[in-house]
PDB file of N, CA and C in Angstrom:
ATOM      1  N   MET A   1     109.697 147.519  23.250  1.00  0.00           N
ATOM      2  CA  MET A   1     110.506 147.617  24.429  1.00  0.00           C
ATOM      3  C   MET A   1     111.996 147.490  24.084  1.00  0.00           C
ATOM      4  N   GLU A   2     112.275 146.521  23.236  1.00  0.00           N
ATOM      5  CA  GLU A   2     113.649 146.304  22.810  1.00  0.00           C
ATOM      6  C   GLU A   2     114.193 147.514  22.038  1.00  0.00           C
ATOM      7  N   GLU A   3     113.328 148.135  21.231  1.00  0.00           N
ATOM      8  CA  GLU A   3     113.742 149.315  20.471  1.00  0.00           C
ATOM      9  C   GLU A   3     114.081 150.480  21.393  1.00  0.00           C
ATOM     10  N   GLN A   4     113.319 150.631  22.455  1.00  0.00           N
ATOM     11  CA  GLN A   4     113.597 151.707  23.408  1.00  0.00           C
ATOM     12  C   GLN A   4     114.917 151.468  24.123  1.00  0.00           C
ATOM     13  N   ALA A   5     115.194 150.229  24.456  1.00  0.00           N
ATOM     14  CA  ALA A   5     116.456 149.909  25.128  1.00  0.00           C
ATOM     15  C   ALA A   5     117.635 150.196  24.200  1.00  0.00           C
ATOM     16  N   ALA A   6     117.481 149.847  22.937  1.00  0.00           N
ATOM     17  CA  ALA A   6     118.542 150.108  21.966  1.00  0.00           C
ATOM     18  C   ALA A   6     118.724 151.610  21.784  1.00  0.00           C
ATOM     19  N   LEU A   7     117.608 152.334  21.748  1.00  0.00           N
ATOM     20  CA  LEU A   7     117.677 153.779  21.603  1.00  0.00           C
ATOM     21  C   LEU A   7     118.396 154.410  22.793  1.00  0.00           C
ATOM     22  N   HIS A   8     118.090 153.959  23.986  1.00  0.00           N
ATOM     23  CA  HIS A   8     118.747 154.491  25.182  1.00  0.00           C
ATOM     24  C   HIS A   8     120.242 154.138  25.217  1.00  0.00           C
ATOM     25  N   ARG A   9     120.604 153.021  24.617  1.00  0.00           N
ATOM     26  CA  ARG A   9     122.013 152.629  24.560  1.00  0.00           C
ATOM     27  C   ARG A   9     122.790 153.484  23.567  1.00  0.00           C
ATOM     28  N   TYR A  10     122.199 153.773  22.408  1.00  0.00           N
ATOM     29  CA  TYR A  10     122.928 154.454  21.332  1.00  0.00           C
ATOM     30  C   TYR A  10     122.764 155.973  21.320  1.00  0.00           C
ATOM     31  N   LEU A  11     121.726 156.469  21.978  1.00  0.00           N
ATOM     32  CA  LEU A  11     121.493 157.903  21.984  1.00  0.00           C
ATOM     33  C   LEU A  11     122.657 158.694  22.582  1.00  0.00           C
ATOM     34  N   PRO A  12     123.220 158.302  23.721  1.00  0.00           N
ATOM     35  CA  PRO A  12     124.369 159.058  24.244  1.00  0.00           C
ATOM     36  C   PRO A  12     125.565 159.049  23.275  1.00  0.00           C
ATOM     37  N   ARG A  13     125.764 157.947  22.601  1.00  0.00           N
ATOM     38  CA  ARG A  13     126.859 157.884  21.623  1.00  0.00           C
ATOM     39  C   ARG A  13     126.606 158.827  20.456  1.00  0.00           C
ATOM     40  N   LEU A  14     125.359 158.913  20.044  1.00  0.00           N
ATOM     41  CA  LEU A  14     124.991 159.803  18.952  1.00  0.00           C
ATOM     42  C   LEU A  14     125.256 161.259  19.345  1.00  0.00           C
ATOM     43  N   PHE A  15     124.844 161.634  20.549  1.00  0.00           N
ATOM     44  CA  PHE A  15     125.074 162.999  21.020  1.00  0.00           C
ATOM     45  C   PHE A  15     126.565 163.291  21.162  1.00  0.00           C
ATOM     46  N   LEU A  16     127.310 162.339  21.684  1.00  0.00           N
ATOM     47  CA  LEU A  16     128.746 162.530  21.847  1.00  0.00           C
ATOM     48  C   LEU A  16     129.422 162.696  20.480  1.00  0.00           C
ATOM     49  N   GLY A  17     129.037 161.869  19.536  1.00  0.00           N
ATOM     50  CA  GLY A  17     129.599 161.976  18.193  1.00  0.00           C
ATOM     51  C   GLY A  17     129.289 163.319  17.557  1.00  0.00           C
ATOM     52  N   THR A  18     128.061 163.777  17.732  1.00  0.00           N
ATOM     53  CA  THR A  18     127.670 165.082  17.194  1.00  0.00           C
ATOM     54  C   THR A  18     128.453 166.193  17.876  1.00  0.00           C
ATOM     55  N   ALA A  19     128.585 166.109  19.191  1.00  0.00           N
ATOM     56  CA  ALA A  19     129.319 167.135  19.937  1.00  0.00           C
ATOM     57  C   ALA A  19     130.784 167.178  19.522  1.00  0.00           C
ATOM     58  N   LEU A  20     131.350 166.044  19.200  1.00  0.00           N
ATOM     59  CA  LEU A  20     132.747 166.010  18.761  1.00  0.00           C
ATOM     60  C   LEU A  20     132.920 166.519  17.333  1.00  0.00           C
ATOM     61  N   MET A  21     131.903 166.377  16.516  1.00  0.00           N
ATOM     62  CA  MET A  21     131.987 166.791  15.120  1.00  0.00           C
ATOM     63  C   MET A  21     131.806 168.292  14.946  1.00  0.00           C
ATOM     64  N   LEU A  22     131.020 168.939  15.804  1.00  0.00           N
ATOM     65  CA  LEU A  22     130.721 170.356  15.620  1.00  0.00           C
ATOM     66  C   LEU A  22     131.964 171.245  15.584  1.00  0.00           C
ATOM     67  N   PRO A  23     132.916 171.100  16.519  1.00  0.00           N
ATOM     68  CA  PRO A  23     134.111 171.947  16.421  1.00  0.00           C
ATOM     69  C   PRO A  23     134.901 171.702  15.134  1.00  0.00           C
ATOM     70  N   MET A  24     134.956 170.451  14.690  1.00  0.00           N
ATOM     71  CA  MET A  24     135.670 170.156  13.451  1.00  0.00           C
ATOM     72  C   MET A  24     134.981 170.804  12.258  1.00  0.00           C
ATOM     73  N   LEU A  25     133.658 170.765  12.238  1.00  0.00           N
ATOM     74  CA  LEU A  25     132.927 171.393  11.145  1.00  0.00           C
ATOM     75  C   LEU A  25     133.086 172.910  11.179  1.00  0.00           C
ATOM     76  N   ALA A  26     133.086 173.487  12.377  1.00  0.00           N
ATOM     77  CA  ALA A  26     133.280 174.931  12.495  1.00  0.00           C
ATOM     78  C   ALA A  26     134.669 175.324  11.998  1.00  0.00           C
ATOM     79  N   PHE A  27     135.673 174.540  12.371  1.00  0.00           N
ATOM     80  CA  PHE A  27     137.030 174.818  11.908  1.00  0.00           C
ATOM     81  C   PHE A  27     137.120 174.689  10.391  1.00  0.00           C
ATOM     82  N   ALA A  28     136.530 173.645   9.847  1.00  0.00           N
ATOM     83  CA  ALA A  28     136.559 173.445   8.397  1.00  0.00           C
ATOM     84  C   ALA A  28     135.853 174.595   7.685  1.00  0.00           C
ATOM     85  N   GLY A  29     134.749 175.061   8.242  1.00  0.00           N
ATOM     86  CA  GLY A  29     134.034 176.190   7.648  1.00  0.00           C
ATOM     87  C   GLY A  29     134.854 177.463   7.690  1.00  0.00           C
ATOM     88  N   ALA A  30     135.497 177.707   8.829  1.00  0.00           N
ATOM     89  CA  ALA A  30     136.320 178.911   8.957  1.00  0.00           C
ATOM     90  C   ALA A  30     137.514 178.858   8.008  1.00  0.00           C
ATOM     91  N   LEU A  31     138.131 177.693   7.908  1.00  0.00           N
ATOM     92  CA  LEU A  31     139.263 177.535   7.000  1.00  0.00           C
ATOM     93  C   LEU A  31     138.825 177.747   5.559  1.00  0.00           C
ATOM     94  N   SER A  32     137.706 177.151   5.208  1.00  0.00           N
ATOM     95  CA  SER A  32     137.188 177.303   3.850  1.00  0.00           C
ATOM     96  C   SER A  32     136.868 178.767   3.550  1.00  0.00           C
ATOM     97  N   ALA A  33     136.243 179.444   4.500  1.00  0.00           N
ATOM     98  CA  ALA A  33     135.895 180.857   4.293  1.00  0.00           C
ATOM     99  C   ALA A  33     137.145 181.698   4.127  1.00  0.00           C
ATOM    100  N   SER A  34     138.172 181.404   4.919  1.00  0.00           N
ATOM    101  CA  SER A  34     139.390 182.203   4.802  1.00  0.00           C
ATOM    102  C   SER A  34     140.083 181.940   3.473  1.00  0.00           C
ATOM    103  N   LEU A  35     140.064 180.704   3.022  1.00  0.00           N
ATOM    104  CA  LEU A  35     140.681 180.391   1.731  1.00  0.00           C
ATOM    105  C   LEU A  35     139.885 180.973   0.573  1.00  0.00           C
ATOM    106  N   MET A  36     138.576 180.889   0.657  1.00  0.00           N
ATOM    107  CA  MET A  36     137.739 181.429  -0.410  1.00  0.00           C
ATOM    108  C   MET A  36     137.787 182.947  -0.407  1.00  0.00           C
ATOM    109  N   GLY A  37     137.781 183.540   0.788  1.00  0.00           N
ATOM    110  CA  GLY A  37     137.842 184.993   0.902  1.00  0.00           C
ATOM    111  C   GLY A  37     139.156 185.518   0.381  1.00  0.00           C
ATOM    112  N   ALA A  38     140.185 184.698   0.457  1.00  0.00           N
ATOM    113  CA  ALA A  38     141.489 185.105  -0.043  1.00  0.00           C
ATOM    114  C   ALA A  38     141.567 184.960  -1.549  1.00  0.00           C
ATOM    115  N   SER A  39     140.494 184.513  -2.162  1.00  0.00           N
ATOM    116  CA  SER A  39     140.402 184.284  -3.600  1.00  0.00           C
ATOM    117  C   SER A  39     141.660 183.638  -4.140  1.00  0.00           C
ATOM    118  N   GLY A  40     142.081 182.600  -3.459  1.00  0.00           N
ATOM    119  CA  GLY A  40     143.227 181.865  -3.924  1.00  0.00           C
ATOM    120  C   GLY A  40     144.521 182.335  -3.326  1.00  0.00           C
ATOM    121  N   SER A  41     144.556 183.371  -2.541  1.00  0.00           N
ATOM    122  CA  SER A  41     145.825 183.731  -1.935  1.00  0.00           C
ATOM    123  C   SER A  41     145.931 185.131  -1.387  1.00  0.00           C
ATOM    124  N   GLY A  42     144.984 185.609  -0.752  1.00  0.00           N
ATOM    125  CA  GLY A  42     145.096 186.914  -0.140  1.00  0.00           C
ATOM    126  C   GLY A  42     144.967 188.064  -1.115  1.00  0.00           C
ATOM    127  N   ASP A  43     144.521 187.813  -2.338  1.00  0.00           N
ATOM    128  CA  ASP A  43     144.478 188.852  -3.345  1.00  0.00           C
ATOM    129  C   ASP A  43     143.101 189.511  -3.447  1.00  0.00           C
ATOM    130  N   THR A  44     142.389 189.727  -2.319  1.00  0.00           N
ATOM    131  CA  THR A  44     141.108 190.423  -2.372  1.00  0.00           C
ATOM    132  C   THR A  44     141.358 191.902  -2.591  1.00  0.00           C
ATOM    133  N   MET A  45     140.361 192.608  -3.090  1.00  0.00           N
ATOM    134  CA  MET A  45     140.512 194.017  -3.462  1.00  0.00           C
ATOM    135  C   MET A  45     141.015 194.870  -2.299  1.00  0.00           C
ATOM    136  N   GLN A  46     140.561 194.616  -1.080  1.00  0.00           N
ATOM    137  CA  GLN A  46     140.978 195.409   0.064  1.00  0.00           C
ATOM    138  C   GLN A  46     142.374 195.027   0.546  1.00  0.00           C
ATOM    139  N   SER A  47     142.831 193.877   0.182  1.00  0.00           N
ATOM    140  CA  SER A  47     144.112 193.366   0.651  1.00  0.00           C
ATOM    141  C   SER A  47     145.280 194.121   0.023  1.00  0.00           C
ATOM    142  N   PRO A  48     146.350 194.332   0.809  1.00  0.00           N
ATOM    143  CA  PRO A  48     147.544 194.924   0.215  1.00  0.00           C
ATOM    144  C   PRO A  48     148.157 194.037  -0.860  1.00  0.00           C
ATOM    145  N   LEU A  49     147.697 192.781  -0.930  1.00  0.00           N
ATOM    146  CA  LEU A  49     148.257 191.843  -1.900  1.00  0.00           C
ATOM    147  C   LEU A  49     147.470 191.797  -3.209  1.00  0.00           C
ATOM    148  N   HIS A  50     146.393 192.557  -3.290  1.00  0.00           N
ATOM    149  CA  HIS A  50     145.643 192.630  -4.547  1.00  0.00           C
ATOM    150  C   HIS A  50     146.536 193.290  -5.599  1.00  0.00           C
ATOM    151  N   VAL A  51     146.397 192.887  -6.835  1.00  0.00           N
ATOM    152  CA  VAL A  51     147.272 193.369  -7.907  1.00  0.00           C
ATOM    153  C   VAL A  51     147.317 194.900  -7.953  1.00  0.00           C
ATOM    154  N   ALA A  52     146.169 195.544  -7.861  1.00  0.00           N
ATOM    155  CA  ALA A  52     146.151 197.013  -7.910  1.00  0.00           C
ATOM    156  C   ALA A  52     146.920 197.606  -6.738  1.00  0.00           C
ATOM    157  N   ASN A  53     146.785 197.000  -5.568  1.00  0.00           N
ATOM    158  CA  ASN A  53     147.490 197.500  -4.389  1.00  0.00           C
ATOM    159  C   ASN A  53     148.981 197.173  -4.438  1.00  0.00           C
ATOM    160  N   LEU A  54     149.335 196.071  -5.071  1.00  0.00           N
ATOM    161  CA  LEU A  54     150.753 195.757  -5.276  1.00  0.00           C
ATOM    162  C   LEU A  54     151.410 196.849  -6.107  1.00  0.00           C
ATOM    163  N   GLN A  55     150.681 197.341  -7.086  1.00  0.00           N
ATOM    164  CA  GLN A  55     151.219 198.372  -7.955  1.00  0.00           C
ATOM    165  C   GLN A  55     151.237 199.739  -7.263  1.00  0.00           C
ATOM    166  N   GLU A  56     150.213 200.018  -6.465  1.00  0.00           N
ATOM    167  CA  GLU A  56     150.107 201.318  -5.789  1.00  0.00           C
ATOM    168  C   GLU A  56     151.082 201.452  -4.622  1.00  0.00           C
ATOM    169  N   ASN A  57     151.192 200.406  -3.828  1.00  0.00           N
ATOM    170  CA  ASN A  57     152.000 200.494  -2.613  1.00  0.00           C
ATOM    171  C   ASN A  57     152.784 199.197  -2.406  1.00  0.00           C
ATOM    172  N   PRO A  58     153.848 198.986  -3.173  1.00  0.00           N
ATOM    173  CA  PRO A  58     154.597 197.736  -3.061  1.00  0.00           C
ATOM    174  C   PRO A  58     155.243 197.544  -1.683  1.00  0.00           C
ATOM    175  N   ARG A  59     155.643 198.628  -1.013  1.00  0.00           N
ATOM    176  CA  ARG A  59     156.263 198.492   0.317  1.00  0.00           C
ATOM    177  C   ARG A  59     155.275 197.866   1.307  1.00  0.00           C
ATOM    178  N   ARG A  60     154.019 198.298   1.265  1.00  0.00           N
ATOM    179  CA  ARG A  60     153.005 197.739   2.171  1.00  0.00           C
ATOM    180  C   ARG A  60     152.795 196.248   1.888  1.00  0.00           C
ATOM    181  N   ALA A  61     152.761 195.890   0.625  1.00  0.00           N
ATOM    182  CA  ALA A  61     152.612 194.481   0.257  1.00  0.00           C
ATOM    183  C   ALA A  61     153.807 193.679   0.742  1.00  0.00           C
ATOM    184  N   PHE A  62     155.001 194.224   0.560  1.00  0.00           N
ATOM    185  CA  PHE A  62     156.218 193.543   1.013  1.00  0.00           C
ATOM    186  C   PHE A  62     156.159 193.314   2.520  1.00  0.00           C
ATOM    187  N   GLU A  63     155.799 194.344   3.268  1.00  0.00           N
ATOM    188  CA  GLU A  63     155.725 194.220   4.730  1.00  0.00           C
ATOM    189  C   GLU A  63     154.649 193.228   5.155  1.00  0.00           C
ATOM    190  N   THR A  64     153.570 193.160   4.394  1.00  0.00           N
ATOM    191  CA  THR A  64     152.513 192.191   4.693  1.00  0.00           C
ATOM    192  C   THR A  64     153.022 190.765   4.501  1.00  0.00           C
ATOM    193  N   LEU A  65     153.794 190.538   3.460  1.00  0.00           N
ATOM    194  CA  LEU A  65     154.296 189.201   3.157  1.00  0.00           C
ATOM    195  C   LEU A  65     155.478 188.785   4.038  1.00  0.00           C
ATOM    196  N   ASP A  66     156.272 189.733   4.490  1.00  0.00           N
ATOM    197  CA  ASP A  66     157.481 189.432   5.262  1.00  0.00           C
ATOM    198  C   ASP A  66     157.094 188.996   6.680  1.00  0.00           C
ATOM    199  N   ALA A  67     156.690 187.745   6.811  1.00  0.00           N
ATOM    200  CA  ALA A  67     156.143 187.222   8.069  1.00  0.00           C
ATOM    201  C   ALA A  67     157.141 187.286   9.226  1.00  0.00           C
ATOM    202  N   ASN A  68     158.394 187.000   8.972  1.00  0.00           N
ATOM    203  CA  ASN A  68     159.376 186.993  10.065  1.00  0.00           C
ATOM    204  C   ASN A  68     160.104 188.332  10.214  1.00  0.00           C
ATOM    205  N   ARG A  69     159.710 189.308   9.408  1.00  0.00           N
ATOM    206  CA  ARG A  69     160.250 190.674   9.506  1.00  0.00           C
ATOM    207  C   ARG A  69     161.774 190.746   9.392  1.00  0.00           C
ATOM    208  N   ASP A  70     162.345 189.908   8.519  1.00  0.00           N
ATOM    209  CA  ASP A  70     163.795 189.932   8.348  1.00  0.00           C
ATOM    210  C   ASP A  70     164.233 190.800   7.165  1.00  0.00           C
ATOM    211  N   GLY A  71     163.273 191.410   6.473  1.00  0.00           N
ATOM    212  CA  GLY A  71     163.611 192.270   5.349  1.00  0.00           C
ATOM    213  C   GLY A  71     163.752 191.541   4.027  1.00  0.00           C
ATOM    214  N   TYR A  72     163.431 190.263   4.012  1.00  0.00           N
ATOM    215  CA  TYR A  72     163.497 189.452   2.790  1.00  0.00           C
ATOM    216  C   TYR A  72     162.260 188.575   2.702  1.00  0.00           C
ATOM    217  N   LEU A  73     161.874 188.257   1.486  1.00  0.00           N
ATOM    218  CA  LEU A  73     160.778 187.325   1.255  1.00  0.00           C
ATOM    219  C   LEU A  73     161.340 186.009   0.749  1.00  0.00           C
ATOM    220  N   THR A  74     160.863 184.930   1.332  1.00  0.00           N
ATOM    221  CA  THR A  74     161.216 183.598   0.845  1.00  0.00           C
ATOM    222  C   THR A  74     160.058 183.076   0.006  1.00  0.00           C
ATOM    223  N   GLY A  75     160.280 181.983  -0.670  1.00  0.00           N
ATOM    224  CA  GLY A  75     159.216 181.372  -1.451  1.00  0.00           C
ATOM    225  C   GLY A  75     158.022 181.011  -0.599  1.00  0.00           C
ATOM    226  N   ASP A  76     158.273 180.537   0.619  1.00  0.00           N
ATOM    227  CA  ASP A  76     157.172 180.186   1.523  1.00  0.00           C
ATOM    228  C   ASP A  76     156.357 181.416   1.898  1.00  0.00           C
ATOM    229  N   GLU A  77     157.026 182.528   2.142  1.00  0.00           N
ATOM    230  CA  GLU A  77     156.311 183.751   2.527  1.00  0.00           C
ATOM    231  C   GLU A  77     155.481 184.298   1.361  1.00  0.00           C
ATOM    232  N   THR A  78     155.975 184.158   0.152  1.00  0.00           N
ATOM    233  CA  THR A  78     155.241 184.688  -0.995  1.00  0.00           C
ATOM    234  C   THR A  78     154.043 183.827  -1.366  1.00  0.00           C
ATOM    235  N   ALA A  79     153.945 182.637  -0.798  1.00  0.00           N
ATOM    236  CA  ALA A  79     152.804 181.766  -1.100  1.00  0.00           C
ATOM    237  C   ALA A  79     151.486 182.411  -0.683  1.00  0.00           C
ATOM    238  N   ALA A  80     151.527 183.412   0.192  1.00  0.00           N
ATOM    239  CA  ALA A  80     150.307 184.107   0.607  1.00  0.00           C
ATOM    240  C   ALA A  80     149.722 184.942  -0.530  1.00  0.00           C
ATOM    241  N   SER A  81     150.503 185.209  -1.561  1.00  0.00           N
ATOM    242  CA  SER A  81     150.020 185.957  -2.722  1.00  0.00           C
ATOM    243  C   SER A  81     150.385 185.197  -3.992  1.00  0.00           C
ATOM    244  N   ARG A  82     149.385 184.725  -4.661  1.00  0.00           N
ATOM    245  CA  ARG A  82     149.636 183.968  -5.888  1.00  0.00           C
ATOM    246  C   ARG A  82     150.402 184.806  -6.906  1.00  0.00           C
ATOM    247  N   THR A  83     150.064 186.077  -7.009  1.00  0.00           N
ATOM    248  CA  THR A  83     150.722 186.964  -7.970  1.00  0.00           C
ATOM    249  C   THR A  83     152.214 187.070  -7.682  1.00  0.00           C
ATOM    250  N   VAL A  84     152.550 187.341  -6.425  1.00  0.00           N
ATOM    251  CA  VAL A  84     153.965 187.487  -6.060  1.00  0.00           C
ATOM    252  C   VAL A  84     154.678 186.145  -6.175  1.00  0.00           C
ATOM    253  N   HIS A  85     154.018 185.088  -5.742  1.00  0.00           N
ATOM    254  CA  HIS A  85     154.632 183.762  -5.776  1.00  0.00           C
ATOM    255  C   HIS A  85     154.989 183.354  -7.213  1.00  0.00           C
ATOM    256  N   LEU A  86     154.106 183.665  -8.146  1.00  0.00           N
ATOM    257  CA  LEU A  86     154.373 183.327  -9.546  1.00  0.00           C
ATOM    258  C   LEU A  86     155.556 184.097 -10.119  1.00  0.00           C
ATOM    259  N   HIS A  87     155.816 185.294  -9.600  1.00  0.00           N
ATOM    260  CA  HIS A  87     156.908 186.132 -10.099  1.00  0.00           C
ATOM    261  C   HIS A  87     158.182 186.013  -9.263  1.00  0.00           C
ATOM    262  N   PHE A  88     158.182 185.147  -8.266  1.00  0.00           N
ATOM    263  CA  PHE A  88     159.303 185.057  -7.334  1.00  0.00           C
ATOM    264  C   PHE A  88     160.632 184.823  -8.048  1.00  0.00           C
ATOM    265  N   GLY A  89     160.676 183.888  -8.944  1.00  0.00           N
ATOM    266  CA  GLY A  89     161.922 183.554  -9.646  1.00  0.00           C
ATOM    267  C   GLY A  89     162.487 184.708 -10.449  1.00  0.00           C
ATOM    268  N   VAL A  90     161.617 185.518 -11.016  1.00  0.00           N
ATOM    269  CA  VAL A  90     162.069 186.664 -11.800  1.00  0.00           C
ATOM    270  C   VAL A  90     162.498 187.801 -10.873  1.00  0.00           C
ATOM    271  N   LEU A  91     161.801 187.964  -9.759  1.00  0.00           N
ATOM    272  CA  LEU A  91     162.147 189.027  -8.811  1.00  0.00           C
ATOM    273  C   LEU A  91     163.496 188.772  -8.140  1.00  0.00           C
ATOM    274  N   ASP A  92     163.818 187.518  -7.915  1.00  0.00           N
ATOM    275  CA  ASP A  92     165.064 187.153  -7.218  1.00  0.00           C
ATOM    276  C   ASP A  92     166.247 187.264  -8.189  1.00  0.00           C
ATOM    277  N   THR A  93     166.665 188.492  -8.444  1.00  0.00           N
ATOM    278  CA  THR A  93     167.690 188.725  -9.463  1.00  0.00           C
ATOM    279  C   THR A  93     169.066 188.214  -9.063  1.00  0.00           C
ATOM    280  N   ASP A  94     169.393 188.208  -7.783  1.00  0.00           N
ATOM    281  CA  ASP A  94     170.726 187.734  -7.370  1.00  0.00           C
ATOM    282  C   ASP A  94     170.742 186.234  -7.044  1.00  0.00           C
ATOM    283  N   ARG A  95     169.607 185.572  -7.250  1.00  0.00           N
ATOM    284  CA  ARG A  95     169.475 184.118  -7.093  1.00  0.00           C
ATOM    285  C   ARG A  95     169.901 183.606  -5.708  1.00  0.00           C
ATOM    286  N   ASP A  96     169.599 184.396  -4.660  1.00  0.00           N
ATOM    287  CA  ASP A  96     169.895 183.934  -3.303  1.00  0.00           C
ATOM    288  C   ASP A  96     168.680 183.282  -2.647  1.00  0.00           C
ATOM    289  N   ARG A  97     167.647 183.028  -3.442  1.00  0.00           N
ATOM    290  CA  ARG A  97     166.417 182.362  -3.017  1.00  0.00           C
ATOM    291  C   ARG A  97     165.635 183.175  -1.985  1.00  0.00           C
ATOM    292  N   ARG A  98     165.792 184.494  -2.079  1.00  0.00           N
ATOM    293  CA  ARG A  98     164.992 185.409  -1.280  1.00  0.00           C
ATOM    294  C   ARG A  98     164.917 186.733  -2.040  1.00  0.00           C
ATOM    295  N   VAL A  99     163.868 187.487  -1.773  1.00  0.00           N
ATOM    296  CA  VAL A  99     163.635 188.741  -2.483  1.00  0.00           C
ATOM    297  C   VAL A  99     163.737 189.886  -1.486  1.00  0.00           C
ATOM    298  N   SER A 100     164.610 190.836  -1.780  1.00  0.00           N
ATOM    299  CA  SER A 100     164.759 192.030  -0.937  1.00  0.00           C
ATOM    300  C   SER A 100     163.717 193.063  -1.355  1.00  0.00           C
ATOM    301  N   ILE A 101     163.601 194.119  -0.559  1.00  0.00           N
ATOM    302  CA  ILE A 101     162.668 195.194  -0.902  1.00  0.00           C
ATOM    303  C   ILE A 101     163.073 195.862  -2.212  1.00  0.00           C
ATOM    304  N   VAL A 102     164.367 195.956  -2.473  1.00  0.00           N
ATOM    305  CA  VAL A 102     164.840 196.555  -3.728  1.00  0.00           C
ATOM    306  C   VAL A 102     164.393 195.694  -4.906  1.00  0.00           C
ATOM    307  N   GLU A 103     164.575 194.395  -4.801  1.00  0.00           N
ATOM    308  CA  GLU A 103     164.137 193.492  -5.870  1.00  0.00           C
ATOM    309  C   GLU A 103     162.617 193.532  -6.014  1.00  0.00           C
ATOM    310  N   PHE A 104     161.921 193.614  -4.883  1.00  0.00           N
ATOM    311  CA  PHE A 104     160.457 193.600  -4.894  1.00  0.00           C
ATOM    312  C   PHE A 104     159.884 194.821  -5.612  1.00  0.00           C
ATOM    313  N   HIS A 105     160.573 195.940  -5.553  1.00  0.00           N
ATOM    314  CA  HIS A 105     160.079 197.157  -6.200  1.00  0.00           C
ATOM    315  C   HIS A 105     160.055 197.055  -7.722  1.00  0.00           C
ATOM    316  N   ARG A 106     160.593 195.995  -8.290  1.00  0.00           N
ATOM    317  CA  ARG A 106     160.490 195.751  -9.732  1.00  0.00           C
ATOM    318  C   ARG A 106     159.114 195.211 -10.108  1.00  0.00           C
ATOM    319  N   LEU A 107     158.386 194.682  -9.107  1.00  0.00           N
ATOM    320  CA  LEU A 107     157.113 194.019  -9.384  1.00  0.00           C
ATOM    321  C   LEU A 107     156.069 194.917 -10.042  1.00  0.00           C
ATOM    322  N   PRO A 108     155.832 196.148  -9.577  1.00  0.00           N
ATOM    323  CA  PRO A 108     154.800 196.957 -10.240  1.00  0.00           C
ATOM    324  C   PRO A 108     155.032 197.120 -11.737  1.00  0.00           C
ATOM    325  N   GLY A 109     156.257 197.350 -12.138  1.00  0.00           N
ATOM    326  CA  GLY A 109     156.560 197.464 -13.574  1.00  0.00           C
ATOM    327  C   GLY A 109     156.302 196.158 -14.316  1.00  0.00           C
ATOM    328  N   MET A 110     156.650 195.063 -13.684  1.00  0.00           N
ATOM    329  CA  MET A 110     156.409 193.755 -14.298  1.00  0.00           C
ATOM    330  C   MET A 110     154.918 193.518 -14.469  1.00  0.00           C
ATOM    331  N   LEU A 111     154.125 193.888 -13.474  1.00  0.00           N
ATOM    332  CA  LEU A 111     152.681 193.687 -13.540  1.00  0.00           C
ATOM    333  C   LEU A 111     152.057 194.586 -14.597  1.00  0.00           C
ATOM    334  N   GLU A 112     152.569 195.784 -14.764  1.00  0.00           N
ATOM    335  CA  GLU A 112     152.057 196.653 -15.841  1.00  0.00           C
ATOM    336  C   GLU A 112     152.273 195.998 -17.186  1.00  0.00           C
ATOM    337  N   ASP A 113     153.440 195.401 -17.385  1.00  0.00           N
ATOM    338  CA  ASP A 113     153.728 194.723 -18.654  1.00  0.00           C
ATOM    339  C   ASP A 113     152.781 193.549 -18.865  1.00  0.00           C
ATOM    340  N   VAL A 114     152.530 192.791 -17.794  1.00  0.00           N
ATOM    341  CA  VAL A 114     151.682 191.601 -17.908  1.00  0.00           C
ATOM    342  C   VAL A 114     150.236 191.992 -18.168  1.00  0.00           C
ATOM    343  N   TYR A 115     149.720 192.982 -17.426  1.00  0.00           N
ATOM    344  CA  TYR A 115     148.295 193.321 -17.529  1.00  0.00           C
ATOM    345  C   TYR A 115     147.998 194.349 -18.613  1.00  0.00           C
ATOM    346  N   ALA A 116     149.023 194.886 -19.250  1.00  0.00           N
ATOM    347  CA  ALA A 116     148.801 195.845 -20.345  1.00  0.00           C
ATOM    348  C   ALA A 116     148.346 195.138 -21.604  1.00  0.00           C
ATOM    349  N   GLU A 117     148.690 193.870 -21.721  1.00  0.00           N
ATOM    350  CA  GLU A 117     148.369 193.130 -22.954  1.00  0.00           C
ATOM    351  C   GLU A 117     146.956 192.676 -22.998  1.00  0.00           C
TER     352      GLU A 117
END
């Protein structure tokens, strides 16, 4: 009898706790899937940020990364692509801490040098 009373007392709390956890688990799963699907940074084969696509169509990659559409990439914006982010310092030739489309067009040649070896 005492066990049933305890069960009736704690069962609603158990259901409430489970109901509160499900959205958090769904969010964590979605976040994990998006991070894993991005293979570390949006560089999946279909993505404009994949190395092959960076070389084929750098303008599309630039437009994909330029989140605020100001015509320049900042270090924060390039974080969406590990490849571009790693080359940010070299691409920023005028050292204004942003990369223009003209500077960005140097990337395909740089990637050919890196991946040719």
